[in-house]
mmCIF file of all heavy atoms, coordinates in Angstrom:
data_MODEL
# 
_entry.id   MODEL 
# 
loop_
_atom_site.group_PDB 
_atom_site.id 
_atom_site.type_symbol 
_atom_site.label_atom_id 
_atom_site.label_alt_id 
_atom_site.label_comp_id 
_atom_site.label_asym_id 
_atom_site.label_entity_id 
_atom_site.label_seq_id 
_atom_site.pdbx_PDB_ins_code 
_atom_site.Cartn_x 
_atom_site.Cartn_y 
_atom_site.Cartn_z 
_atom_site.occupancy 
_atom_site.B_iso_or_equiv 
_atom_site.pdbx_formal_charge 
_atom_site.auth_seq_id 
_atom_site.auth_comp_id 
_atom_site.auth_asym_id 
_atom_site.auth_atom_id 
_atom_site.pdbx_PDB_model_num 
ATOM 1   N N   . LEU A 1 1  ? 11.995  -13.714 3.232   1.00 0.00 ? 1  LEU A N   1 
ATOM 2   C CA  . LEU A 1 1  ? 11.005  -13.877 2.171   1.00 0.00 ? 1  LEU A CA  1 
ATOM 3   C C   . LEU A 1 1  ? 10.557  -15.324 2.038   1.00 0.00 ? 1  LEU A C   1 
ATOM 4   O O   . LEU A 1 1  ? 11.342  -16.266 2.236   1.00 0.00 ? 1  LEU A O   1 
ATOM 5   C CB  . LEU A 1 1  ? 11.568  -13.378 0.844   1.00 0.00 ? 1  LEU A CB  1 
ATOM 6   C CG  . LEU A 1 1  ? 11.594  -11.847 0.700   1.00 0.00 ? 1  LEU A CG  1 
ATOM 7   C CD1 . LEU A 1 1  ? 12.501  -11.412 -0.422  1.00 0.00 ? 1  LEU A CD1 1 
ATOM 8   C CD2 . LEU A 1 1  ? 10.182  -11.323 0.469   1.00 0.00 ? 1  LEU A CD2 1 
ATOM 9   N N   . LYS A 1 2  ? 9.294   -15.470 1.685   1.00 0.00 ? 2  LYS A N   1 
ATOM 10  C CA  . LYS A 1 2  ? 8.672   -16.770 1.498   1.00 0.00 ? 2  LYS A CA  1 
ATOM 11  C C   . LYS A 1 2  ? 8.136   -16.862 0.072   1.00 0.00 ? 2  LYS A C   1 
ATOM 12  O O   . LYS A 1 2  ? 7.858   -15.821 -0.550  1.00 0.00 ? 2  LYS A O   1 
ATOM 13  C CB  . LYS A 1 2  ? 7.511   -16.941 2.484   1.00 0.00 ? 2  LYS A CB  1 
ATOM 14  C CG  . LYS A 1 2  ? 7.874   -16.690 3.936   1.00 0.00 ? 2  LYS A CG  1 
ATOM 15  C CD  . LYS A 1 2  ? 6.619   -16.681 4.803   1.00 0.00 ? 2  LYS A CD  1 
ATOM 16  C CE  . LYS A 1 2  ? 6.941   -16.341 6.247   1.00 0.00 ? 2  LYS A CE  1 
ATOM 17  N NZ  . LYS A 1 2  ? 5.728   -16.308 7.094   1.00 0.00 ? 2  LYS A NZ  1 
ATOM 18  N N   . PRO A 1 3  ? 7.955   -18.056 -0.447  1.00 0.00 ? 3  PRO A N   1 
ATOM 19  C CA  . PRO A 1 3  ? 7.395   -18.160 -1.807  1.00 0.00 ? 3  PRO A CA  1 
ATOM 20  C C   . PRO A 1 3  ? 6.060   -17.429 -1.965  1.00 0.00 ? 3  PRO A C   1 
ATOM 21  O O   . PRO A 1 3  ? 5.788   -16.871 -3.035  1.00 0.00 ? 3  PRO A O   1 
ATOM 22  C CB  . PRO A 1 3  ? 7.224   -19.677 -1.976  1.00 0.00 ? 3  PRO A CB  1 
ATOM 23  C CG  . PRO A 1 3  ? 8.305   -20.255 -1.131  1.00 0.00 ? 3  PRO A CG  1 
ATOM 24  C CD  . PRO A 1 3  ? 8.376   -19.352 0.072   1.00 0.00 ? 3  PRO A CD  1 
ATOM 25  N N   . GLU A 1 4  ? 5.266   -17.370 -0.910  1.00 0.00 ? 4  GLU A N   1 
ATOM 26  C CA  . GLU A 1 4  ? 3.979   -16.681 -1.001  1.00 0.00 ? 4  GLU A CA  1 
ATOM 27  C C   . GLU A 1 4  ? 4.119   -15.160 -1.059  1.00 0.00 ? 4  GLU A C   1 
ATOM 28  O O   . GLU A 1 4  ? 3.133   -14.453 -1.249  1.00 0.00 ? 4  GLU A O   1 
ATOM 29  C CB  . GLU A 1 4  ? 3.059   -17.071 0.160   1.00 0.00 ? 4  GLU A CB  1 
ATOM 30  C CG  . GLU A 1 4  ? 3.668   -16.931 1.537   1.00 0.00 ? 4  GLU A CG  1 
ATOM 31  C CD  . GLU A 1 4  ? 4.255   -18.241 2.055   1.00 0.00 ? 4  GLU A CD  1 
ATOM 32  O OE1 . GLU A 1 4  ? 4.883   -18.972 1.251   1.00 0.00 ? 4  GLU A OE1 1 
ATOM 33  O OE2 . GLU A 1 4  ? 4.094   -18.513 3.258   1.00 0.00 ? 4  GLU A OE2 1 
ATOM 34  N N   . ASP A 1 5  ? 5.329   -14.642 -0.894  1.00 0.00 ? 5  ASP A N   1 
ATOM 35  C CA  . ASP A 1 5  ? 5.573   -13.212 -1.070  1.00 0.00 ? 5  ASP A CA  1 
ATOM 36  C C   . ASP A 1 5  ? 5.798   -12.852 -2.539  1.00 0.00 ? 5  ASP A C   1 
ATOM 37  O O   . ASP A 1 5  ? 5.938   -11.667 -2.872  1.00 0.00 ? 5  ASP A O   1 
ATOM 38  C CB  . ASP A 1 5  ? 6.797   -12.761 -0.258  1.00 0.00 ? 5  ASP A CB  1 
ATOM 39  C CG  . ASP A 1 5  ? 6.574   -12.858 1.234   1.00 0.00 ? 5  ASP A CG  1 
ATOM 40  O OD1 . ASP A 1 5  ? 5.485   -12.472 1.705   1.00 0.00 ? 5  ASP A OD1 1 
ATOM 41  O OD2 . ASP A 1 5  ? 7.505   -13.308 1.937   1.00 0.00 ? 5  ASP A OD2 1 
ATOM 42  N N   . THR A 1 6  ? 5.855   -13.842 -3.397  1.00 0.00 ? 6  THR A N   1 
ATOM 43  C CA  . THR A 1 6  ? 6.031   -13.593 -4.825  1.00 0.00 ? 6  THR A CA  1 
ATOM 44  C C   . THR A 1 6  ? 4.877   -12.759 -5.358  1.00 0.00 ? 6  THR A C   1 
ATOM 45  O O   . THR A 1 6  ? 3.715   -13.129 -5.208  1.00 0.00 ? 6  THR A O   1 
ATOM 46  C CB  . THR A 1 6  ? 6.119   -14.921 -5.597  1.00 0.00 ? 6  THR A CB  1 
ATOM 47  O OG1 . THR A 1 6  ? 7.312   -15.602 -5.196  1.00 0.00 ? 6  THR A OG1 1 
ATOM 48  C CG2 . THR A 1 6  ? 6.148   -14.677 -7.100  1.00 0.00 ? 6  THR A CG2 1 
ATOM 49  N N   . ALA A 1 7  ? 5.215   -11.618 -5.968  1.00 0.00 ? 7  ALA A N   1 
ATOM 50  C CA  . ALA A 1 7  ? 4.196   -10.685 -6.443  1.00 0.00 ? 7  ALA A CA  1 
ATOM 51  C C   . ALA A 1 7  ? 4.886   -9.516  -7.140  1.00 0.00 ? 7  ALA A C   1 
ATOM 52  O O   . ALA A 1 7  ? 6.104   -9.350  -7.042  1.00 0.00 ? 7  ALA A O   1 
ATOM 53  C CB  . ALA A 1 7  ? 3.359   -10.163 -5.274  1.00 0.00 ? 7  ALA A CB  1 
ATOM 54  N N   . VAL A 1 8  ? 4.085   -8.705  -7.791  1.00 0.00 ? 8  VAL A N   1 
ATOM 55  C CA  . VAL A 1 8  ? 4.551   -7.399  -8.248  1.00 0.00 ? 8  VAL A CA  1 
ATOM 56  C C   . VAL A 1 8  ? 4.274   -6.415  -7.116  1.00 0.00 ? 8  VAL A C   1 
ATOM 57  O O   . VAL A 1 8  ? 3.152   -6.340  -6.622  1.00 0.00 ? 8  VAL A O   1 
ATOM 58  C CB  . VAL A 1 8  ? 3.839   -6.956  -9.533  1.00 0.00 ? 8  VAL A CB  1 
ATOM 59  C CG1 . VAL A 1 8  ? 4.315   -5.560  -9.942  1.00 0.00 ? 8  VAL A CG1 1 
ATOM 60  C CG2 . VAL A 1 8  ? 4.080   -7.946  -10.657 1.00 0.00 ? 8  VAL A CG2 1 
ATOM 61  N N   . TYR A 1 9  ? 5.293   -5.699  -6.727  1.00 0.00 ? 9  TYR A N   1 
ATOM 62  C CA  . TYR A 1 9  ? 5.181   -4.744  -5.623  1.00 0.00 ? 9  TYR A CA  1 
ATOM 63  C C   . TYR A 1 9  ? 5.075   -3.340  -6.208  1.00 0.00 ? 9  TYR A C   1 
ATOM 64  O O   . TYR A 1 9  ? 5.918   -2.925  -7.018  1.00 0.00 ? 9  TYR A O   1 
ATOM 65  C CB  . TYR A 1 9  ? 6.383   -4.853  -4.698  1.00 0.00 ? 9  TYR A CB  1 
ATOM 66  C CG  . TYR A 1 9  ? 6.311   -6.072  -3.806  1.00 0.00 ? 9  TYR A CG  1 
ATOM 67  C CD1 . TYR A 1 9  ? 6.442   -7.352  -4.329  1.00 0.00 ? 9  TYR A CD1 1 
ATOM 68  C CD2 . TYR A 1 9  ? 6.061   -5.950  -2.443  1.00 0.00 ? 9  TYR A CD2 1 
ATOM 69  C CE1 . TYR A 1 9  ? 6.338   -8.473  -3.518  1.00 0.00 ? 9  TYR A CE1 1 
ATOM 70  C CE2 . TYR A 1 9  ? 5.964   -7.058  -1.616  1.00 0.00 ? 9  TYR A CE2 1 
ATOM 71  C CZ  . TYR A 1 9  ? 6.103   -8.319  -2.168  1.00 0.00 ? 9  TYR A CZ  1 
ATOM 72  O OH  . TYR A 1 9  ? 5.992   -9.428  -1.362  1.00 0.00 ? 9  TYR A OH  1 
ATOM 73  N N   . TYR A 1 10 ? 4.048   -2.611  -5.756  1.00 0.00 ? 10 TYR A N   1 
ATOM 74  C CA  . TYR A 1 10 ? 3.764   -1.276  -6.264  1.00 0.00 ? 10 TYR A CA  1 
ATOM 75  C C   . TYR A 1 10 ? 3.941   -0.226  -5.168  1.00 0.00 ? 10 TYR A C   1 
ATOM 76  O O   . TYR A 1 10 ? 3.477   -0.412  -4.032  1.00 0.00 ? 10 TYR A O   1 
ATOM 77  C CB  . TYR A 1 10 ? 2.323   -1.185  -6.763  1.00 0.00 ? 10 TYR A CB  1 
ATOM 78  C CG  . TYR A 1 10 ? 2.007   -2.055  -7.946  1.00 0.00 ? 10 TYR A CG  1 
ATOM 79  C CD1 . TYR A 1 10 ? 1.506   -3.343  -7.766  1.00 0.00 ? 10 TYR A CD1 1 
ATOM 80  C CD2 . TYR A 1 10 ? 2.205   -1.589  -9.241  1.00 0.00 ? 10 TYR A CD2 1 
ATOM 81  C CE1 . TYR A 1 10 ? 1.201   -4.145  -8.850  1.00 0.00 ? 10 TYR A CE1 1 
ATOM 82  C CE2 . TYR A 1 10 ? 1.900   -2.390  -10.338 1.00 0.00 ? 10 TYR A CE2 1 
ATOM 83  C CZ  . TYR A 1 10 ? 1.406   -3.661  -10.133 1.00 0.00 ? 10 TYR A CZ  1 
ATOM 84  O OH  . TYR A 1 10 ? 1.109   -4.451  -11.211 1.00 0.00 ? 10 TYR A OH  1 
ATOM 85  N N   . CYS A 1 11 ? 4.556   0.865   -5.553  1.00 0.00 ? 11 CYS A N   1 
ATOM 86  C CA  . CYS A 1 11 ? 4.645   2.032   -4.689  1.00 0.00 ? 11 CYS A CA  1 
ATOM 87  C C   . CYS A 1 11 ? 3.522   2.991   -5.081  1.00 0.00 ? 11 CYS A C   1 
ATOM 88  O O   . CYS A 1 11 ? 3.161   3.074   -6.268  1.00 0.00 ? 11 CYS A O   1 
ATOM 89  C CB  . CYS A 1 11 ? 6.013   2.685   -4.892  1.00 0.00 ? 11 CYS A CB  1 
ATOM 90  S SG  . CYS A 1 11 ? 6.344   4.103   -3.858  1.00 0.00 ? 11 CYS A SG  1 
ATOM 91  N N   . ALA A 1 12 ? 2.978   3.696   -4.109  1.00 0.00 ? 12 ALA A N   1 
ATOM 92  C CA  . ALA A 1 12 ? 1.879   4.598   -4.391  1.00 0.00 ? 12 ALA A CA  1 
ATOM 93  C C   . ALA A 1 12 ? 1.947   5.823   -3.490  1.00 0.00 ? 12 ALA A C   1 
ATOM 94  O O   . ALA A 1 12 ? 2.502   5.763   -2.386  1.00 0.00 ? 12 ALA A O   1 
ATOM 95  C CB  . ALA A 1 12 ? 0.543   3.878   -4.194  1.00 0.00 ? 12 ALA A CB  1 
ATOM 96  N N   . ALA A 1 13 ? 1.369   6.906   -3.967  1.00 0.00 ? 13 ALA A N   1 
ATOM 97  C CA  . ALA A 1 13 ? 1.384   8.159   -3.220  1.00 0.00 ? 13 ALA A CA  1 
ATOM 98  C C   . ALA A 1 13 ? -0.025  8.680   -3.021  1.00 0.00 ? 13 ALA A C   1 
ATOM 99  O O   . ALA A 1 13 ? -0.887  8.526   -3.891  1.00 0.00 ? 13 ALA A O   1 
ATOM 100 C CB  . ALA A 1 13 ? 2.212   9.201   -3.973  1.00 0.00 ? 13 ALA A CB  1 
ATOM 101 N N   . THR A 1 14 ? -0.239  9.324   -1.884  1.00 0.00 ? 14 THR A N   1 
ATOM 102 C CA  . THR A 1 14 ? -1.536  9.924   -1.599  1.00 0.00 ? 14 THR A CA  1 
ATOM 103 C C   . THR A 1 14 ? -1.468  11.436  -1.763  1.00 0.00 ? 14 THR A C   1 
ATOM 104 O O   . THR A 1 14 ? -0.398  11.995  -1.994  1.00 0.00 ? 14 THR A O   1 
ATOM 105 C CB  . THR A 1 14 ? -1.974  9.628   -0.155  1.00 0.00 ? 14 THR A CB  1 
ATOM 106 O OG1 . THR A 1 14 ? -1.180  10.446  0.730   1.00 0.00 ? 14 THR A OG1 1 
ATOM 107 C CG2 . THR A 1 14 ? -1.774  8.171   0.211   1.00 0.00 ? 14 THR A CG2 1 
ATOM 108 N N   . ASN A 1 15 ? -2.578  12.095  -1.601  1.00 0.00 ? 15 ASN A N   1 
ATOM 109 C CA  . ASN A 1 15 ? -2.630  13.552  -1.529  1.00 0.00 ? 15 ASN A CA  1 
ATOM 110 C C   . ASN A 1 15 ? -2.756  14.007  -0.082  1.00 0.00 ? 15 ASN A C   1 
ATOM 111 O O   . ASN A 1 15 ? -3.171  15.132  0.187   1.00 0.00 ? 15 ASN A O   1 
ATOM 112 C CB  . ASN A 1 15 ? -3.819  14.080  -2.339  1.00 0.00 ? 15 ASN A CB  1 
ATOM 113 C CG  . ASN A 1 15 ? -3.528  14.083  -3.831  1.00 0.00 ? 15 ASN A CG  1 
ATOM 114 O OD1 . ASN A 1 15 ? -2.401  14.318  -4.247  1.00 0.00 ? 15 ASN A OD1 1 
ATOM 115 N ND2 . ASN A 1 15 ? -4.548  13.806  -4.627  1.00 0.00 ? 15 ASN A ND2 1 
ATOM 116 N N   . ARG A 1 16 ? -2.387  13.148  0.838   1.00 0.00 ? 16 ARG A N   1 
ATOM 117 C CA  . ARG A 1 16 ? -2.479  13.430  2.270   1.00 0.00 ? 16 ARG A CA  1 
ATOM 118 C C   . ARG A 1 16 ? -1.104  13.343  2.914   1.00 0.00 ? 16 ARG A C   1 
ATOM 119 O O   . ARG A 1 16 ? -0.211  12.698  2.376   1.00 0.00 ? 16 ARG A O   1 
ATOM 120 C CB  . ARG A 1 16 ? -3.430  12.431  2.939   1.00 0.00 ? 16 ARG A CB  1 
ATOM 121 C CG  . ARG A 1 16 ? -4.831  12.440  2.351   1.00 0.00 ? 16 ARG A CG  1 
ATOM 122 C CD  . ARG A 1 16 ? -5.636  11.238  2.818   1.00 0.00 ? 16 ARG A CD  1 
ATOM 123 N NE  . ARG A 1 16 ? -6.973  11.222  2.245   1.00 0.00 ? 16 ARG A NE  1 
ATOM 124 C CZ  . ARG A 1 16 ? -7.237  10.777  1.015   1.00 0.00 ? 16 ARG A CZ  1 
ATOM 125 N NH1 . ARG A 1 16 ? -6.267  10.314  0.255   1.00 0.00 ? 16 ARG A NH1 1 
ATOM 126 N NH2 . ARG A 1 16 ? -8.472  10.804  0.569   1.00 0.00 ? 16 ARG A NH2 1 
ATOM 127 N N   . ILE A 1 17 ? -0.960  13.936  4.069   1.00 0.00 ? 17 ILE A N   1 
ATOM 128 C CA  . ILE A 1 17 ? 0.319   13.854  4.762   1.00 0.00 ? 17 ILE A CA  1 
ATOM 129 C C   . ILE A 1 17 ? 0.315   12.760  5.817   1.00 0.00 ? 17 ILE A C   1 
ATOM 130 O O   . ILE A 1 17 ? 1.365   12.227  6.176   1.00 0.00 ? 17 ILE A O   1 
ATOM 131 C CB  . ILE A 1 17 ? 0.687   15.195  5.435   1.00 0.00 ? 17 ILE A CB  1 
ATOM 132 C CG1 . ILE A 1 17 ? -0.375  15.604  6.465   1.00 0.00 ? 17 ILE A CG1 1 
ATOM 133 C CG2 . ILE A 1 17 ? 0.863   16.291  4.395   1.00 0.00 ? 17 ILE A CG2 1 
ATOM 134 C CD1 . ILE A 1 17 ? 0.031   16.827  7.282   1.00 0.00 ? 17 ILE A CD1 1 
ATOM 135 N N   . GLY A 1 18 ? -0.856  12.423  6.338   1.00 0.00 ? 18 GLY A N   1 
ATOM 136 C CA  . GLY A 1 18 ? -0.932  11.473  7.429   1.00 0.00 ? 18 GLY A CA  1 
ATOM 137 C C   . GLY A 1 18 ? -1.588  10.173  7.030   1.00 0.00 ? 18 GLY A C   1 
ATOM 138 O O   . GLY A 1 18 ? -2.008  9.985   5.878   1.00 0.00 ? 18 GLY A O   1 
ATOM 139 N N   . LEU A 1 19 ? -1.646  9.269   7.992   1.00 0.00 ? 19 LEU A N   1 
ATOM 140 C CA  . LEU A 1 19 ? -2.230  7.952   7.792   1.00 0.00 ? 19 LEU A CA  1 
ATOM 141 C C   . LEU A 1 19 ? -3.520  7.806   8.574   1.00 0.00 ? 19 LEU A C   1 
ATOM 142 O O   . LEU A 1 19 ? -3.715  8.434   9.616   1.00 0.00 ? 19 LEU A O   1 
ATOM 143 C CB  . LEU A 1 19 ? -1.252  6.869   8.248   1.00 0.00 ? 19 LEU A CB  1 
ATOM 144 C CG  . LEU A 1 19 ? 0.099   6.801   7.551   1.00 0.00 ? 19 LEU A CG  1 
ATOM 145 C CD1 . LEU A 1 19 ? 0.930   5.670   8.144   1.00 0.00 ? 19 LEU A CD1 1 
ATOM 146 C CD2 . LEU A 1 19 ? -0.063  6.620   6.052   1.00 0.00 ? 19 LEU A CD2 1 
ATOM 147 N N   . SER A 1 20 ? -4.376  6.947   8.071   1.00 0.00 ? 20 SER A N   1 
ATOM 148 C CA  . SER A 1 20 ? -5.577  6.534   8.779   1.00 0.00 ? 20 SER A CA  1 
ATOM 149 C C   . SER A 1 20 ? -5.872  5.117   8.317   1.00 0.00 ? 20 SER A C   1 
ATOM 150 O O   . SER A 1 20 ? -5.166  4.576   7.461   1.00 0.00 ? 20 SER A O   1 
ATOM 151 C CB  . SER A 1 20 ? -6.747  7.463   8.457   1.00 0.00 ? 20 SER A CB  1 
ATOM 152 O OG  . SER A 1 20 ? -7.114  7.314   7.092   1.00 0.00 ? 20 SER A OG  1 
ATOM 153 N N   . ASP A 1 21 ? -6.926  4.538   8.853   1.00 0.00 ? 21 ASP A N   1 
ATOM 154 C CA  . ASP A 1 21 ? -7.288  3.193   8.400   1.00 0.00 ? 21 ASP A CA  1 
ATOM 155 C C   . ASP A 1 21 ? -7.542  3.175   6.891   1.00 0.00 ? 21 ASP A C   1 
ATOM 156 O O   . ASP A 1 21 ? -7.350  2.164   6.222   1.00 0.00 ? 21 ASP A O   1 
ATOM 157 C CB  . ASP A 1 21 ? -8.516  2.700   9.153   1.00 0.00 ? 21 ASP A CB  1 
ATOM 158 C CG  . ASP A 1 21 ? -8.191  2.317   10.586  1.00 0.00 ? 21 ASP A CG  1 
ATOM 159 O OD1 . ASP A 1 21 ? -6.994  2.119   10.895  1.00 0.00 ? 21 ASP A OD1 1 
ATOM 160 O OD2 . ASP A 1 21 ? -9.119  2.224   11.403  1.00 0.00 ? 21 ASP A OD2 1 
ATOM 161 N N   . TYR A 1 22 ? -7.980  4.301   6.371   1.00 0.00 ? 22 TYR A N   1 
ATOM 162 C CA  . TYR A 1 22 ? -8.235  4.422   4.931   1.00 0.00 ? 22 TYR A CA  1 
ATOM 163 C C   . TYR A 1 22 ? -6.959  4.184   4.126   1.00 0.00 ? 22 TYR A C   1 
ATOM 164 O O   . TYR A 1 22 ? -7.008  3.750   2.978   1.00 0.00 ? 22 TYR A O   1 
ATOM 165 C CB  . TYR A 1 22 ? -8.807  5.799   4.652   1.00 0.00 ? 22 TYR A CB  1 
ATOM 166 C CG  . TYR A 1 22 ? -9.295  6.038   3.242   1.00 0.00 ? 22 TYR A CG  1 
ATOM 167 C CD1 . TYR A 1 22 ? -10.248 5.222   2.660   1.00 0.00 ? 22 TYR A CD1 1 
ATOM 168 C CD2 . TYR A 1 22 ? -8.810  7.117   2.499   1.00 0.00 ? 22 TYR A CD2 1 
ATOM 169 C CE1 . TYR A 1 22 ? -10.702 5.452   1.372   1.00 0.00 ? 22 TYR A CE1 1 
ATOM 170 C CE2 . TYR A 1 22 ? -9.262  7.357   1.216   1.00 0.00 ? 22 TYR A CE2 1 
ATOM 171 C CZ  . TYR A 1 22 ? -10.212 6.531   0.659   1.00 0.00 ? 22 TYR A CZ  1 
ATOM 172 O OH  . TYR A 1 22 ? -10.659 6.764   -0.609  1.00 0.00 ? 22 TYR A OH  1 
ATOM 173 N N   . SER A 1 23 ? -5.803  4.445   4.744   1.00 0.00 ? 23 SER A N   1 
ATOM 174 C CA  . SER A 1 23 ? -4.512  4.294   4.068   1.00 0.00 ? 23 SER A CA  1 
ATOM 175 C C   . SER A 1 23 ? -4.204  2.844   3.735   1.00 0.00 ? 23 SER A C   1 
ATOM 176 O O   . SER A 1 23 ? -3.256  2.569   2.998   1.00 0.00 ? 23 SER A O   1 
ATOM 177 C CB  . SER A 1 23 ? -3.390  4.844   4.954   1.00 0.00 ? 23 SER A CB  1 
ATOM 178 O OG  . SER A 1 23 ? -3.629  6.188   5.302   1.00 0.00 ? 23 SER A OG  1 
ATOM 179 N N   . ARG A 1 24 ? -4.965  1.928   4.274   1.00 0.00 ? 24 ARG A N   1 
ATOM 180 C CA  . ARG A 1 24 ? -4.784  0.511   3.974   1.00 0.00 ? 24 ARG A CA  1 
ATOM 181 C C   . ARG A 1 24 ? -5.546  0.096   2.714   1.00 0.00 ? 24 ARG A C   1 
ATOM 182 O O   . ARG A 1 24 ? -5.483  -1.071  2.302   1.00 0.00 ? 24 ARG A O   1 
ATOM 183 C CB  . ARG A 1 24 ? -5.265  -0.343  5.147   1.00 0.00 ? 24 ARG A CB  1 
ATOM 184 C CG  . ARG A 1 24 ? -4.481  -0.102  6.437   1.00 0.00 ? 24 ARG A CG  1 
ATOM 185 C CD  . ARG A 1 24 ? -5.049  -0.920  7.582   1.00 0.00 ? 24 ARG A CD  1 
ATOM 186 N NE  . ARG A 1 24 ? -4.350  -0.669  8.823   1.00 0.00 ? 24 ARG A NE  1 
ATOM 187 C CZ  . ARG A 1 24 ? -3.262  -1.310  9.220   1.00 0.00 ? 24 ARG A CZ  1 
ATOM 188 N NH1 . ARG A 1 24 ? -2.759  -2.276  8.463   1.00 0.00 ? 24 ARG A NH1 1 
ATOM 189 N NH2 . ARG A 1 24 ? -2.673  -1.011  10.372  1.00 0.00 ? 24 ARG A NH2 1 
ATOM 190 N N   . THR A 1 25 ? -6.232  1.031   2.093   1.00 0.00 ? 25 THR A N   1 
ATOM 191 C CA  . THR A 1 25 ? -7.014  0.718   0.907   1.00 0.00 ? 25 THR A CA  1 
ATOM 192 C C   . THR A 1 25 ? -6.438  1.382   -0.326  1.00 0.00 ? 25 THR A C   1 
ATOM 193 O O   . THR A 1 25 ? -5.833  2.450   -0.258  1.00 0.00 ? 25 THR A O   1 
ATOM 194 C CB  . THR A 1 25 ? -8.472  1.171   1.074   1.00 0.00 ? 25 THR A CB  1 
ATOM 195 O OG1 . THR A 1 25 ? -8.519  2.608   1.007   1.00 0.00 ? 25 THR A OG1 1 
ATOM 196 C CG2 . THR A 1 25 ? -9.043  0.722   2.412   1.00 0.00 ? 25 THR A CG2 1 
ATOM 197 N N   . GLU A 1 26 ? -6.652  0.753   -1.484  1.00 0.00 ? 26 GLU A N   1 
ATOM 198 C CA  . GLU A 1 26 ? -6.158  1.319   -2.739  1.00 0.00 ? 26 GLU A CA  1 
ATOM 199 C C   . GLU A 1 26 ? -6.763  2.689   -3.013  1.00 0.00 ? 26 GLU A C   1 
ATOM 200 O O   . GLU A 1 26 ? -6.109  3.551   -3.607  1.00 0.00 ? 26 GLU A O   1 
ATOM 201 C CB  . GLU A 1 26 ? -6.502  0.378   -3.891  1.00 0.00 ? 26 GLU A CB  1 
ATOM 202 C CG  . GLU A 1 26 ? -5.739  -0.929  -3.887  1.00 0.00 ? 26 GLU A CG  1 
ATOM 203 C CD  . GLU A 1 26 ? -6.074  -1.750  -5.115  1.00 0.00 ? 26 GLU A CD  1 
ATOM 204 O OE1 . GLU A 1 26 ? -5.774  -1.281  -6.233  1.00 0.00 ? 26 GLU A OE1 1 
ATOM 205 O OE2 . GLU A 1 26 ? -6.631  -2.837  -4.965  1.00 0.00 ? 26 GLU A OE2 1 
ATOM 206 N N   . ARG A 1 27 ? -7.994  2.902   -2.601  1.00 0.00 ? 27 ARG A N   1 
ATOM 207 C CA  . ARG A 1 27 ? -8.691  4.148   -2.917  1.00 0.00 ? 27 ARG A CA  1 
ATOM 208 C C   . ARG A 1 27 ? -8.006  5.362   -2.297  1.00 0.00 ? 27 ARG A C   1 
ATOM 209 O O   . ARG A 1 27 ? -8.236  6.491   -2.727  1.00 0.00 ? 27 ARG A O   1 
ATOM 210 C CB  . ARG A 1 27 ? -10.134 4.071   -2.441  1.00 0.00 ? 27 ARG A CB  1 
ATOM 211 C CG  . ARG A 1 27 ? -10.974 3.024   -3.150  1.00 0.00 ? 27 ARG A CG  1 
ATOM 212 C CD  . ARG A 1 27 ? -12.430 3.095   -2.700  1.00 0.00 ? 27 ARG A CD  1 
ATOM 213 N NE  . ARG A 1 27 ? -12.566 2.915   -1.263  1.00 0.00 ? 27 ARG A NE  1 
ATOM 214 C CZ  . ARG A 1 27 ? -12.614 1.747   -0.668  1.00 0.00 ? 27 ARG A CZ  1 
ATOM 215 N NH1 . ARG A 1 27 ? -12.524 0.636   -1.363  1.00 0.00 ? 27 ARG A NH1 1 
ATOM 216 N NH2 . ARG A 1 27 ? -12.756 1.674   0.651   1.00 0.00 ? 27 ARG A NH2 1 
ATOM 217 N N   . ALA A 1 28 ? -7.188  5.153   -1.270  1.00 0.00 ? 28 ALA A N   1 
ATOM 218 C CA  . ALA A 1 28 ? -6.510  6.284   -0.615  1.00 0.00 ? 28 ALA A CA  1 
ATOM 219 C C   . ALA A 1 28 ? -5.374  6.843   -1.453  1.00 0.00 ? 28 ALA A C   1 
ATOM 220 O O   . ALA A 1 28 ? -4.864  7.920   -1.160  1.00 0.00 ? 28 ALA A O   1 
ATOM 221 C CB  . ALA A 1 28 ? -5.973  5.840   0.742   1.00 0.00 ? 28 ALA A CB  1 
# 
């Protein structure tokens, strides 16, 4: 870990089973 990793870390769930490039966005 580095000081620039300081943040609030959030877990999130989708309504999909797989990944796509869209999975890199909050909207997914």
